[in-house]
Amino acid sequence: MSTARKWRRAPAALLCAVAVLAGCSSGDDAVSQGSNFSFVSPGGKTDIFYAEAERQSPIELSGDDLFDENKRISTADFSGKVVVVNIWGQWCGPCRVEAPEMQKVYERTRDKGVQVLGIDVRDYDRKPPQDFMRDRGLTYPSIYDPPGRSLLQLKGYPRSVVPSTIILDKQHRVAAIFLRDLLASDIQPVVERLAAE
């Protein structure tokens, strides 16, 4: 194909791509219209904090209980508590180190009004993540959500980043996001400060 011919096709391909993208970003679906939080990572930061005045509307994340498919878990179950939402998968190497750290945070802060809630993603069989939690002595609840649908209302949130952690304040507004694996010492001061607000 000649170079001139390629250049004539480029504008048509560009217009097609723009139309496809525009179709994905508009409409009446729950993703584009129902979102209460729009994620932005300023300068590509992996630790993002929102001052109280910057926090957007409260959000509710919910899904099936990992251990009981007939039960649903929701952040609304933890009204008035700071909620540490940890996105994990048993297939994820860093999650193996991070999960016991989340358990430490849970044990140290649950009496201070903090709840840890896992969201298990990309595990299409319940048994391996159940074993993962049992083997590590994890006692906080987890939502079983292989496709990550429970995170759709977080518009723009990079669901492919596992592990990642979202901290909700007592009103369940996003107060902090960590797009990396964590130690208890990374988040315990954050949740204690939020619990004291």
Protein backbone atom coordinates (compact mmCIF):
# COMPACT_ATOMS: atom_id res chain seq x y z
CA MET A 1 0.00 0.00 0.00
CA SER A 2 1.37 3.43 -0.92
CA THR A 3 2.15 6.05 1.72
CA ALA A 4 -0.38 8.48 0.20
CA ARG A 5 -3.11 5.85 0.43
CA LYS A 6 -2.26 5.14 4.10
CA TRP A 7 -2.54 8.86 4.94
CA ARG A 8 -5.97 9.04 3.30
CA ARG A 9 -7.21 6.18 5.50
CA ALA A 10 -5.79 7.62 8.73
CA PRO A 11 -8.49 10.34 9.17
CA ALA A 12 -11.26 7.78 8.67
CA ALA A 13 -9.70 5.43 11.24
CA LEU A 14 -9.27 8.32 13.68
CA LEU A 15 -12.91 9.39 13.30
CA CYS A 16 -14.03 5.79 13.87
CA ALA A 17 -11.94 5.54 17.05
CA VAL A 18 -13.34 8.84 18.36
CA ALA A 19 -16.91 7.63 17.69
CA VAL A 20 -16.28 4.37 19.54
CA LEU A 21 -14.77 6.17 22.53
CA ALA A 22 -17.58 8.70 22.61
CA GLY A 23 -20.11 5.86 22.59
CA CYS A 24 -18.40 4.32 25.62
CA SER A 25 -18.39 7.53 27.59
CA SER A 26 -22.01 8.58 27.23
CA GLY A 27 -25.40 7.06 27.70
CA ASP A 28 -27.76 6.06 30.45
CA ASP A 29 -25.92 3.02 31.76
CA ALA A 30 -25.06 2.72 35.47
CA VAL A 31 -21.36 3.19 34.86
CA SER A 32 -21.49 6.61 33.27
CA GLN A 33 -24.57 8.01 35.01
CA GLY A 34 -24.57 6.31 38.42
CA SER A 35 -21.05 7.10 39.54
CA ASN A 36 -20.55 9.14 42.68
CA PHE A 37 -16.77 9.20 42.49
CA SER A 38 -14.46 10.09 39.62
CA PHE A 39 -10.94 8.80 40.04
CA VAL A 40 -7.94 10.83 38.95
CA SER A 41 -4.32 10.04 39.74
CA PRO A 42 -2.58 13.42 39.72
CA GLY A 43 0.86 13.06 38.22
CA GLY A 44 0.55 9.26 38.30
CA LYS A 45 0.70 9.14 42.12
CA THR A 46 0.12 5.78 43.81
CA ASP A 47 -0.80 7.25 47.21
CA ILE A 48 -3.68 9.72 46.89
CA PHE A 49 -5.25 11.56 49.82
CA TYR A 50 -8.39 13.70 49.82
CA ALA A 51 -8.84 16.47 52.39
CA GLU A 52 -12.28 16.50 53.95
CA ALA A 53 -13.41 19.42 51.76
CA GLU A 54 -12.27 17.57 48.60
CA ARG A 55 -14.18 14.35 49.26
CA GLN A 56 -16.95 13.55 46.82
CA SER A 57 -20.35 11.95 47.51
CA PRO A 58 -20.58 8.81 49.65
CA ILE A 59 -20.34 5.53 47.77
CA GLU A 60 -21.72 2.08 48.44
CA LEU A 61 -19.83 -1.02 47.35
CA SER A 62 -21.58 -4.38 47.61
CA GLY A 63 -21.45 -7.95 46.39
CA ASP A 64 -21.72 -11.61 47.32
CA ASP A 65 -20.03 -12.84 50.49
CA LEU A 66 -16.97 -14.95 49.58
CA PHE A 67 -18.00 -17.69 52.02
CA ASP A 68 -21.79 -17.59 51.54
CA GLU A 69 -23.12 -17.06 48.03
CA ASN A 70 -26.62 -16.47 49.45
CA LYS A 71 -25.45 -13.48 51.51
CA ARG A 72 -24.57 -9.98 50.33
CA ILE A 73 -22.05 -7.67 51.94
CA SER A 74 -22.14 -3.91 51.56
CA THR A 75 -20.21 -0.96 52.87
CA ALA A 76 -23.65 0.18 54.12
CA ASP A 77 -23.41 -2.67 56.66
CA PHE A 78 -20.71 -0.60 58.38
CA SER A 79 -22.56 2.66 58.86
CA GLY A 80 -20.55 5.29 60.74
CA LYS A 81 -17.30 3.34 60.42
CA VAL A 82 -14.16 4.01 58.44
CA VAL A 83 -13.96 1.23 55.84
CA VAL A 84 -10.69 -0.07 54.42
CA VAL A 85 -11.58 -1.67 51.08
CA ASN A 86 -8.78 -3.96 49.96
CA ILE A 87 -8.86 -5.33 46.40
CA TRP A 88 -7.05 -8.66 46.24
CA GLY A 89 -6.82 -12.06 44.58
CA GLN A 90 -5.33 -15.34 45.78
CA TRP A 91 -3.32 -15.49 42.52
CA CYS A 92 -1.60 -12.17 43.37
CA GLY A 93 1.90 -12.52 44.86
CA PRO A 94 1.96 -9.16 46.71
CA CYS A 95 -1.47 -9.97 48.19
CA ARG A 96 0.09 -12.87 50.09
CA VAL A 97 2.26 -10.43 52.02
CA GLU A 98 -0.37 -7.71 52.27
CA ALA A 99 -3.31 -9.81 53.55
CA PRO A 100 -1.81 -10.48 57.01
CA GLU A 101 -1.05 -6.74 57.22
CA MET A 102 -4.74 -6.00 56.60
CA GLN A 103 -5.59 -8.45 59.37
CA LYS A 104 -3.27 -6.53 61.72
CA VAL A 105 -5.03 -3.26 60.85
CA TYR A 106 -8.40 -4.93 61.43
CA GLU A 107 -7.41 -6.31 64.83
CA ARG A 108 -5.77 -3.07 65.99
CA THR A 109 -8.51 -0.67 64.89
CA ARG A 110 -11.89 -2.44 64.82
CA ASP A 111 -12.64 -1.21 68.35
CA LYS A 112 -11.87 2.32 67.15
CA GLY A 113 -14.60 2.29 64.47
CA VAL A 114 -12.63 0.84 61.53
CA GLN A 115 -13.75 -2.06 59.32
CA VAL A 116 -11.61 -3.91 56.79
CA LEU A 117 -13.51 -5.28 53.79
CA GLY A 118 -11.83 -7.32 51.06
CA ILE A 119 -12.95 -7.55 47.46
CA ASP A 120 -11.66 -10.73 45.81
CA VAL A 121 -11.26 -10.22 42.05
CA ARG A 122 -10.34 -12.44 39.09
CA ASP A 123 -10.80 -15.70 41.05
CA TYR A 124 -13.43 -17.66 39.10
CA ASP A 125 -13.64 -20.47 41.67
CA ARG A 126 -14.55 -19.66 45.28
CA LYS A 127 -12.48 -22.43 46.87
CA PRO A 128 -8.93 -21.05 46.29
CA PRO A 129 -9.69 -17.58 47.78
CA GLN A 130 -11.57 -19.20 50.66
CA ASP A 131 -8.50 -21.37 51.35
CA PHE A 132 -6.31 -18.25 51.03
CA MET A 133 -8.27 -16.51 53.78
CA ARG A 134 -8.45 -19.57 56.04
CA ASP A 135 -4.74 -20.38 55.66
CA ARG A 136 -3.77 -16.84 56.66
CA GLY A 137 -6.27 -16.55 59.52
CA LEU A 138 -8.08 -13.61 57.90
CA THR A 139 -11.25 -12.84 59.84
CA TYR A 140 -12.49 -9.70 58.09
CA PRO A 141 -15.21 -10.21 55.45
CA SER A 142 -14.61 -10.30 51.71
CA ILE A 143 -16.84 -9.72 48.73
CA TYR A 144 -16.50 -12.35 45.98
CA ASP A 145 -16.40 -10.40 42.73
CA PRO A 146 -14.37 -12.05 39.94
CA PRO A 147 -15.16 -9.40 37.26
CA GLY A 148 -14.80 -6.44 39.65
CA ARG A 149 -18.34 -5.16 39.05
CA SER A 150 -18.65 -3.85 42.60
CA LEU A 151 -16.05 -1.20 41.67
CA LEU A 152 -17.87 0.15 38.60
CA GLN A 153 -19.34 3.14 40.43
CA LEU A 154 -15.77 4.34 41.04
CA LYS A 155 -15.59 6.00 37.66
CA GLY A 156 -12.09 5.78 36.21
CA TYR A 157 -10.73 3.57 39.01
CA PRO A 158 -7.99 1.27 37.64
CA ARG A 159 -9.56 -2.11 38.46
CA SER A 160 -6.55 -3.89 37.00
CA VAL A 161 -4.31 -2.69 39.86
CA VAL A 162 -4.21 -5.54 42.38
CA PRO A 163 -3.62 -5.17 45.22
CA SER A 164 -5.01 -1.74 45.80
CA THR A 165 -6.80 -0.17 48.74
CA ILE A 166 -9.53 2.44 49.05
CA ILE A 167 -10.18 4.04 52.44
CA LEU A 168 -13.65 5.44 53.05
CA ASP A 169 -14.28 7.95 55.82
CA LYS A 170 -17.15 7.52 58.32
CA GLN A 171 -19.58 8.96 55.77
CA HIS A 172 -18.22 6.48 53.20
CA ARG A 173 -16.62 9.11 51.00
CA VAL A 174 -13.28 8.19 49.43
CA ALA A 175 -10.59 9.65 51.69
CA ALA A 176 -7.49 7.84 50.41
CA ILE A 177 -6.41 5.46 47.67
CA PHE A 178 -3.29 3.32 47.53
CA LEU A 179 -2.42 1.77 44.17
CA ARG A 180 0.23 -0.51 45.63
CA ASP A 181 0.73 -3.19 48.26
CA LEU A 182 0.78 -1.97 51.85
CA LEU A 183 2.02 -2.69 55.32
CA ALA A 184 -0.13 -2.08 58.40
CA SER A 185 2.14 0.86 59.26
CA ASP A 186 1.22 2.54 55.93
CA ILE A 187 -2.48 2.77 56.65
CA GLN A 188 -3.05 2.44 60.38
CA PRO A 189 -2.26 6.14 61.06
CA VAL A 190 -4.57 7.14 58.19
CA VAL A 191 -7.55 5.13 59.45
CA GLU A 192 -7.04 6.20 63.04
CA ARG A 193 -7.01 9.85 61.98
CA LEU A 194 -10.20 9.33 59.93
CA ALA A 195 -11.89 7.49 62.82
CA ALA A 196 -11.15 10.50 65.05
CA GLU A 197 -12.75 13.00 62.61
